[in-house]
């Protein structure tokens, strides 16, 4: 069984960036096979906000962790 992300979460680059900027994020999940530009932008922003980053091997795996039927490049767990 695939691990699920705990608590309330937001999936997707735009919503993740918005949540990070609002200061309501505990943990950031990034798929290693996501588009390089998207990956680097979210990774940089996460580091600037001193957030914990968890790297997941594939977008498909991250989608399953988020309990959705599509791939996900980023997801965040909210405070």
PDB file of N, CA and C in Angstrom:
ATOM      1  N   UNK A   1       0.839  -1.188   0.000  1.00  0.00           N
ATOM      2  CA  UNK A   1       0.000   0.000   0.000  1.00  0.00           C
ATOM      3  C   UNK A   1       0.883   1.250   0.000  1.00  0.00           C
ATOM      4  N   UNK A   2       0.497   2.223  -0.772  1.00  0.00           N
ATOM      5  CA  UNK A   2       1.233   3.476  -0.883  1.00  0.00           C
ATOM      6  C   UNK A   2       0.899   4.361   0.310  1.00  0.00           C
ATOM      7  N   UNK A   3       1.913   5.031   0.842  1.00  0.00           N
ATOM      8  CA  UNK A   3       1.684   5.971   1.938  1.00  0.00           C
ATOM      9  C   UNK A   3       0.839   7.132   1.454  1.00  0.00           C
ATOM     10  N   UNK A   4      -0.003   7.643   2.313  1.00  0.00           N
ATOM     11  CA  UNK A   4      -0.830   8.805   1.990  1.00  0.00           C
ATOM     12  C   UNK A   4      -0.264  10.019   2.721  1.00  0.00           C
ATOM     13  N   UNK A   5      -0.435  11.177   2.121  1.00  0.00           N
ATOM     14  CA  UNK A   5       0.001  12.406   2.782  1.00  0.00           C
ATOM     15  C   UNK A   5      -0.936  12.696   3.946  1.00  0.00           C
ATOM     16  N   UNK A   6      -0.382  13.043   5.093  1.00  0.00           N
ATOM     17  CA  UNK A   6      -1.205  13.280   6.286  1.00  0.00           C
ATOM     18  C   UNK A   6      -1.900  14.635   6.257  1.00  0.00           C
ATOM     19  N   UNK A   7      -3.087  14.695   6.825  1.00  0.00           N
ATOM     20  CA  UNK A   7      -3.776  15.968   7.018  1.00  0.00           C
ATOM     21  C   UNK A   7      -4.237  16.648   5.742  1.00  0.00           C
ATOM     22  N   UNK A   8      -4.522  17.938   5.875  1.00  0.00           N
ATOM     23  CA  UNK A   8      -4.974  18.732   4.733  1.00  0.00           C
ATOM     24  C   UNK A   8      -3.798  19.004   3.812  1.00  0.00           C
ATOM     25  N   UNK A   9      -4.078  18.978   2.509  1.00  0.00           N
ATOM     26  CA  UNK A   9      -3.010  19.167   1.535  1.00  0.00           C
ATOM     27  C   UNK A   9      -3.515  19.933   0.328  1.00  0.00           C
ATOM     28  N   UNK A  10      -2.548  20.454  -0.412  1.00  0.00           N
ATOM     29  CA  UNK A  10      -2.818  21.146  -1.669  1.00  0.00           C
ATOM     30  C   UNK A  10      -1.948  20.480  -2.718  1.00  0.00           C
ATOM     31  N   UNK A  11      -2.518  20.248  -3.902  1.00  0.00           N
ATOM     32  CA  UNK A  11      -1.796  19.565  -4.972  1.00  0.00           C
ATOM     33  C   UNK A  11      -1.660  20.499  -6.167  1.00  0.00           C
ATOM     34  N   UNK A  12      -0.484  20.485  -6.786  1.00  0.00           N
ATOM     35  CA  UNK A  12      -0.247  21.297  -7.982  1.00  0.00           C
ATOM     36  C   UNK A  12       0.689  22.454  -7.714  1.00  0.00           C
ATOM     37  N   UNK A  13       1.371  22.864  -8.766  1.00  0.00           N
ATOM     38  CA  UNK A  13       2.394  23.904  -8.635  1.00  0.00           C
ATOM     39  C   UNK A  13       1.805  25.243  -8.201  1.00  0.00           C
ATOM     40  N   UNK A  14       0.804  25.735  -8.912  1.00  0.00           N
ATOM     41  CA  UNK A  14       0.252  27.060  -8.612  1.00  0.00           C
ATOM     42  C   UNK A  14      -0.298  27.142  -7.195  1.00  0.00           C
ATOM     43  N   UNK A  15      -1.075  26.124  -6.793  1.00  0.00           N
ATOM     44  CA  UNK A  15      -1.668  26.134  -5.457  1.00  0.00           C
ATOM     45  C   UNK A  15      -0.603  25.950  -4.381  1.00  0.00           C
ATOM     46  N   UNK A  16       0.434  25.149  -4.687  1.00  0.00           N
ATOM     47  CA  UNK A  16       1.525  24.950  -3.725  1.00  0.00           C
ATOM     48  C   UNK A  16       2.284  26.251  -3.500  1.00  0.00           C
ATOM     49  N   UNK A  17       2.605  26.947  -4.586  1.00  0.00           N
ATOM     50  CA  UNK A  17       3.320  28.228  -4.483  1.00  0.00           C
ATOM     51  C   UNK A  17       2.492  29.237  -3.691  1.00  0.00           C
ATOM     52  N   UNK A  18       1.211  29.283  -3.965  1.00  0.00           N
ATOM     53  CA  UNK A  18       0.319  30.204  -3.249  1.00  0.00           C
ATOM     54  C   UNK A  18       0.327  29.899  -1.750  1.00  0.00           C
ATOM     55  N   UNK A  19       0.222  28.623  -1.395  1.00  0.00           N
ATOM     56  CA  UNK A  19       0.207  28.227   0.017  1.00  0.00           C
ATOM     57  C   UNK A  19       1.544  28.530   0.701  1.00  0.00           C
ATOM     58  N   UNK A  20       2.651  28.289  -0.005  1.00  0.00           N
ATOM     59  CA  UNK A  20       3.975  28.587   0.561  1.00  0.00           C
ATOM     60  C   UNK A  20       4.094  30.081   0.838  1.00  0.00           C
ATOM     61  N   UNK A  21       3.681  30.899  -0.119  1.00  0.00           N
ATOM     62  CA  UNK A  21       3.758  32.351   0.056  1.00  0.00           C
ATOM     63  C   UNK A  21       2.853  32.852   1.173  1.00  0.00           C
ATOM     64  N   UNK A  22       1.757  32.136   1.433  1.00  0.00           N
ATOM     65  CA  UNK A  22       0.847  32.516   2.514  1.00  0.00           C
ATOM     66  C   UNK A  22       1.346  32.044   3.874  1.00  0.00           C
ATOM     67  N   UNK A  23       2.395  31.219   3.880  1.00  0.00           N
ATOM     68  CA  UNK A  23       2.969  30.758   5.142  1.00  0.00           C
ATOM     69  C   UNK A  23       2.162  29.692   5.851  1.00  0.00           C
ATOM     70  N   UNK A  24       1.397  28.898   5.098  1.00  0.00           N
ATOM     71  CA  UNK A  24       0.536  27.900   5.730  1.00  0.00           C
ATOM     72  C   UNK A  24       0.977  26.460   5.436  1.00  0.00           C
ATOM     73  N   UNK A  25       2.252  26.279   5.075  1.00  0.00           N
ATOM     74  CA  UNK A  25       2.754  24.969   4.673  1.00  0.00           C
ATOM     75  C   UNK A  25       3.684  24.388   5.733  1.00  0.00           C
ATOM     76  N   UNK A  26       3.530  23.062   5.988  1.00  0.00           N
ATOM     77  CA  UNK A  26       4.440  22.342   6.885  1.00  0.00           C
ATOM     78  C   UNK A  26       5.505  21.599   6.095  1.00  0.00           C
ATOM     79  N   UNK A  27       5.084  20.840   5.081  1.00  0.00           N
ATOM     80  CA  UNK A  27       5.991  19.978   4.323  1.00  0.00           C
ATOM     81  C   UNK A  27       5.691  20.106   2.831  1.00  0.00           C
ATOM     82  N   UNK A  28       6.740  20.099   2.025  1.00  0.00           N
ATOM     83  CA  UNK A  28       6.619  20.168   0.567  1.00  0.00           C
ATOM     84  C   UNK A  28       7.051  18.828  -0.026  1.00  0.00           C
ATOM     85  N   UNK A  29       6.245  18.303  -0.943  1.00  0.00           N
ATOM     86  CA  UNK A  29       6.577  17.071  -1.653  1.00  0.00           C
ATOM     87  C   UNK A  29       6.815  17.410  -3.116  1.00  0.00           C
ATOM     88  N   UNK A  30       7.952  16.956  -3.653  1.00  0.00           N
ATOM     89  CA  UNK A  30       8.307  17.219  -5.050  1.00  0.00           C
ATOM     90  C   UNK A  30       8.586  15.906  -5.772  1.00  0.00           C
ATOM     91  N   UNK A  31       8.031  15.765  -6.966  1.00  0.00           N
ATOM     92  CA  UNK A  31       8.310  14.589  -7.796  1.00  0.00           C
ATOM     93  C   UNK A  31       9.587  14.842  -8.584  1.00  0.00           C
ATOM     94  N   UNK A  32      10.523  13.922  -8.502  1.00  0.00           N
ATOM     95  CA  UNK A  32      11.820  14.086  -9.163  1.00  0.00           C
ATOM     96  C   UNK A  32      11.719  14.141 -10.682  1.00  0.00           C
ATOM     97  N   UNK A  33      10.662  13.543 -11.254  1.00  0.00           N
ATOM     98  CA  UNK A  33      10.541  13.527 -12.716  1.00  0.00           C
ATOM     99  C   UNK A  33       9.663  14.655 -13.259  1.00  0.00           C
ATOM    100  N   UNK A  34       9.348  15.632 -12.417  1.00  0.00           N
ATOM    101  CA  UNK A  34       8.546  16.783 -12.852  1.00  0.00           C
ATOM    102  C   UNK A  34       9.391  17.684 -13.752  1.00  0.00           C
ATOM    103  N   UNK A  35       8.721  18.561 -14.503  1.00  0.00           N
ATOM    104  CA  UNK A  35       9.398  19.532 -15.362  1.00  0.00           C
ATOM    105  C   UNK A  35      10.441  20.293 -14.546  1.00  0.00           C
ATOM    106  N   UNK A  36      11.643  20.385 -15.074  1.00  0.00           N
ATOM    107  CA  UNK A  36      12.774  20.969 -14.357  1.00  0.00           C
ATOM    108  C   UNK A  36      12.501  22.386 -13.872  1.00  0.00           C
ATOM    109  N   UNK A  37      11.906  23.224 -14.716  1.00  0.00           N
ATOM    110  CA  UNK A  37      11.638  24.611 -14.321  1.00  0.00           C
ATOM    111  C   UNK A  37      10.657  24.680 -13.156  1.00  0.00           C
ATOM    112  N   UNK A  38       9.587  23.911 -13.233  1.00  0.00           N
ATOM    113  CA  UNK A  38       8.600  23.905 -12.154  1.00  0.00           C
ATOM    114  C   UNK A  38       9.229  23.389 -10.867  1.00  0.00           C
ATOM    115  N   UNK A  39       9.977  22.309 -11.002  1.00  0.00           N
ATOM    116  CA  UNK A  39      10.634  21.677  -9.857  1.00  0.00           C
ATOM    117  C   UNK A  39      11.565  22.669  -9.168  1.00  0.00           C
ATOM    118  N   UNK A  40      12.411  23.330  -9.928  1.00  0.00           N
ATOM    119  CA  UNK A  40      13.399  24.248  -9.359  1.00  0.00           C
ATOM    120  C   UNK A  40      12.743  25.454  -8.694  1.00  0.00           C
ATOM    121  N   UNK A  41      11.669  25.971  -9.304  1.00  0.00           N
ATOM    122  CA  UNK A  41      10.986  27.131  -8.721  1.00  0.00           C
ATOM    123  C   UNK A  41      10.397  26.803  -7.354  1.00  0.00           C
ATOM    124  N   UNK A  42       9.700  25.684  -7.256  1.00  0.00           N
ATOM    125  CA  UNK A  42       9.077  25.307  -5.987  1.00  0.00           C
ATOM    126  C   UNK A  42      10.155  24.939  -4.969  1.00  0.00           C
ATOM    127  N   UNK A  43      11.197  24.246  -5.421  1.00  0.00           N
ATOM    128  CA  UNK A  43      12.290  23.864  -4.530  1.00  0.00           C
ATOM    129  C   UNK A  43      12.969  25.111  -3.941  1.00  0.00           C
ATOM    130  N   UNK A  44      13.256  26.098  -4.783  1.00  0.00           N
ATOM    131  CA  UNK A  44      13.906  27.335  -4.337  1.00  0.00           C
ATOM    132  C   UNK A  44      13.030  28.081  -3.334  1.00  0.00           C
ATOM    133  N   UNK A  45      11.755  28.217  -3.656  1.00  0.00           N
ATOM    134  CA  UNK A  45      10.822  28.918  -2.775  1.00  0.00           C
ATOM    135  C   UNK A  45      10.705  28.201  -1.429  1.00  0.00           C
ATOM    136  N   UNK A  46      10.682  26.877  -1.463  1.00  0.00           N
ATOM    137  CA  UNK A  46      10.598  26.088  -0.233  1.00  0.00           C
ATOM    138  C   UNK A  46      11.823  26.306   0.643  1.00  0.00           C
ATOM    139  N   UNK A  47      12.986  26.333   0.020  1.00  0.00           N
ATOM    140  CA  UNK A  47      14.222  26.555   0.772  1.00  0.00           C
ATOM    141  C   UNK A  47      14.262  27.965   1.354  1.00  0.00           C
ATOM    142  N   UNK A  48      13.768  28.946   0.604  1.00  0.00           N
ATOM    143  CA  UNK A  48      13.727  30.325   1.101  1.00  0.00           C
ATOM    144  C   UNK A  48      12.851  30.450   2.338  1.00  0.00           C
ATOM    145  N   UNK A  49      11.806  29.612   2.412  1.00  0.00           N
ATOM    146  CA  UNK A  49      10.893  29.630   3.551  1.00  0.00           C
ATOM    147  C   UNK A  49      11.267  28.583   4.601  1.00  0.00           C
ATOM    148  N   UNK A  50      12.439  27.960   4.447  1.00  0.00           N
ATOM    149  CA  UNK A  50      12.956  26.953   5.385  1.00  0.00           C
ATOM    150  C   UNK A  50      11.966  25.821   5.642  1.00  0.00           C
ATOM    151  N   UNK A  51      11.361  25.323   4.568  1.00  0.00           N
ATOM    152  CA  UNK A  51      10.398  24.236   4.682  1.00  0.00           C
ATOM    153  C   UNK A  51      11.072  22.889   4.429  1.00  0.00           C
ATOM    154  N   UNK A  52      10.544  21.870   5.094  1.00  0.00           N
ATOM    155  CA  UNK A  52      11.031  20.509   4.862  1.00  0.00           C
ATOM    156  C   UNK A  52      10.586  20.068   3.472  1.00  0.00           C
ATOM    157  N   UNK A  53      11.516  19.494   2.696  1.00  0.00           N
ATOM    158  CA  UNK A  53      11.207  19.011   1.356  1.00  0.00           C
ATOM    159  C   UNK A  53      11.380  17.501   1.332  1.00  0.00           C
ATOM    160  N   UNK A  54      10.356  16.799   0.820  1.00  0.00           N
ATOM    161  CA  UNK A  54      10.417  15.353   0.647  1.00  0.00           C
ATOM    162  C   UNK A  54      10.385  15.085  -0.853  1.00  0.00           C
ATOM    163  N   UNK A  55      11.386  14.353  -1.334  1.00  0.00           N
ATOM    164  CA  UNK A  55      11.468  14.041  -2.757  1.00  0.00           C
ATOM    165  C   UNK A  55      10.845  12.669  -3.021  1.00  0.00           C
ATOM    166  N   UNK A  56       9.948  12.637  -4.009  1.00  0.00           N
ATOM    167  CA  UNK A  56       9.276  11.404  -4.409  1.00  0.00           C
ATOM    168  C   UNK A  56       9.781  11.059  -5.805  1.00  0.00           C
ATOM    169  N   UNK A  57       9.990   9.782  -6.086  1.00  0.00           N
ATOM    170  CA  UNK A  57      10.600   9.370  -7.351  1.00  0.00           C
ATOM    171  C   UNK A  57       9.808   9.784  -8.593  1.00  0.00           C
ATOM    172  N   UNK A  58       8.494   9.584  -8.583  1.00  0.00           N
ATOM    173  CA  UNK A  58       7.717   9.859  -9.794  1.00  0.00           C
ATOM    174  C   UNK A  58       6.463  10.678  -9.496  1.00  0.00           C
ATOM    175  N   UNK A  59       5.985  11.351 -10.530  1.00  0.00           N
ATOM    176  CA  UNK A  59       4.738  12.115 -10.428  1.00  0.00           C
ATOM    177  C   UNK A  59       3.558  11.174 -10.186  1.00  0.00           C
ATOM    178  N   UNK A  60       3.603   9.997 -10.774  1.00  0.00           N
ATOM    179  CA  UNK A  60       2.540   9.010 -10.594  1.00  0.00           C
ATOM    180  C   UNK A  60       2.451   8.584  -9.129  1.00  0.00           C
ATOM    181  N   UNK A  61       3.609   8.338  -8.527  1.00  0.00           N
ATOM    182  CA  UNK A  61       3.654   7.944  -7.115  1.00  0.00           C
ATOM    183  C   UNK A  61       3.120   9.062  -6.219  1.00  0.00           C
ATOM    184  N   UNK A  62       3.497  10.308  -6.512  1.00  0.00           N
ATOM    185  CA  UNK A  62       3.020  11.439  -5.714  1.00  0.00           C
ATOM    186  C   UNK A  62       1.508  11.594  -5.857  1.00  0.00           C
ATOM    187  N   UNK A  63       0.991  11.394  -7.058  1.00  0.00           N
ATOM    188  CA  UNK A  63      -0.462  11.433  -7.250  1.00  0.00           C
ATOM    189  C   UNK A  63      -1.174  10.410  -6.388  1.00  0.00           C
ATOM    190  N   UNK A  64      -0.626   9.202  -6.326  1.00  0.00           N
ATOM    191  CA  UNK A  64      -1.225   8.156  -5.488  1.00  0.00           C
ATOM    192  C   UNK A  64      -1.158   8.531  -4.012  1.00  0.00           C
ATOM    193  N   UNK A  65      -0.045   9.144  -3.609  1.00  0.00           N
ATOM    194  CA  UNK A  65       0.095   9.573  -2.219  1.00  0.00           C
ATOM    195  C   UNK A  65      -0.941  10.637  -1.858  1.00  0.00           C
ATOM    196  N   UNK A  66      -1.354  11.414  -2.866  1.00  0.00           N
ATOM    197  CA  UNK A  66      -2.353  12.466  -2.655  1.00  0.00           C
ATOM    198  C   UNK A  66      -3.773  11.936  -2.813  1.00  0.00           C
ATOM    199  N   UNK A  67      -3.872  10.643  -3.103  1.00  0.00           N
ATOM    200  CA  UNK A  67      -5.172   9.988  -3.279  1.00  0.00           C
ATOM    201  C   UNK A  67      -5.948  10.555  -4.468  1.00  0.00           C
ATOM    202  N   UNK A  68      -5.202  10.858  -5.555  1.00  0.00           N
ATOM    203  CA  UNK A  68      -5.835  11.302  -6.793  1.00  0.00           C
ATOM    204  C   UNK A  68      -5.432  10.360  -7.924  1.00  0.00           C
ATOM    205  N   UNK A  69      -6.213  10.322  -8.982  1.00  0.00           N
ATOM    206  CA  UNK A  69      -5.984   9.391 -10.084  1.00  0.00           C
ATOM    207  C   UNK A  69      -5.125   9.965 -11.203  1.00  0.00           C
ATOM    208  N   UNK A  70      -4.499  11.102 -10.981  1.00  0.00           N
ATOM    209  CA  UNK A  70      -3.638  11.716 -11.991  1.00  0.00           C
ATOM    210  C   UNK A  70      -2.278  11.968 -11.364  1.00  0.00           C
ATOM    211  N   UNK A  71      -1.302  12.266 -12.232  1.00  0.00           N
ATOM    212  CA  UNK A  71       0.044  12.560 -11.757  1.00  0.00           C
ATOM    213  C   UNK A  71       0.077  13.917 -11.068  1.00  0.00           C
ATOM    214  N   UNK A  72       1.018  14.068 -10.138  1.00  0.00           N
ATOM    215  CA  UNK A  72       1.191  15.343  -9.441  1.00  0.00           C
ATOM    216  C   UNK A  72       2.676  15.690  -9.388  1.00  0.00           C
ATOM    217  N   UNK A  73       3.018  16.909  -9.731  1.00  0.00           N
ATOM    218  CA  UNK A  73       4.426  17.312  -9.691  1.00  0.00           C
ATOM    219  C   UNK A  73       4.813  17.841  -8.314  1.00  0.00           C
ATOM    220  N   UNK A  74       3.874  18.510  -7.651  1.00  0.00           N
ATOM    221  CA  UNK A  74       4.127  19.031  -6.305  1.00  0.00           C
ATOM    222  C   UNK A  74       2.875  18.881  -5.446  1.00  0.00           C
ATOM    223  N   UNK A  75       3.109  18.797  -4.155  1.00  0.00           N
ATOM    224  CA  UNK A  75       2.018  18.783  -3.188  1.00  0.00           C
ATOM    225  C   UNK A  75       2.579  19.339  -1.886  1.00  0.00           C
ATOM    226  N   UNK A  76       1.728  19.945  -1.099  1.00  0.00           N
ATOM    227  CA  UNK A  76       2.150  20.458   0.204  1.00  0.00           C
ATOM    228  C   UNK A  76       1.139  20.046   1.262  1.00  0.00           C
ATOM    229  N   UNK A  77       1.654  19.807   2.457  1.00  0.00           N
ATOM    230  CA  UNK A  77       0.807  19.524   3.607  1.00  0.00           C
ATOM    231  C   UNK A  77       0.666  20.831   4.367  1.00  0.00           C
ATOM    232  N   UNK A  78      -0.572  21.194   4.672  1.00  0.00           N
ATOM    233  CA  UNK A  78      -0.856  22.477   5.327  1.00  0.00           C
ATOM    234  C   UNK A  78      -0.766  22.368   6.844  1.00  0.00           C
ATOM    235  N   UNK A  79      -0.447  23.491   7.461  1.00  0.00           N
ATOM    236  CA  UNK A  79      -0.377  23.567   8.949  1.00  0.00           C
ATOM    237  C   UNK A  79      -1.748  23.374   9.534  1.00  0.00           C
TER     238      UNK A  79
END
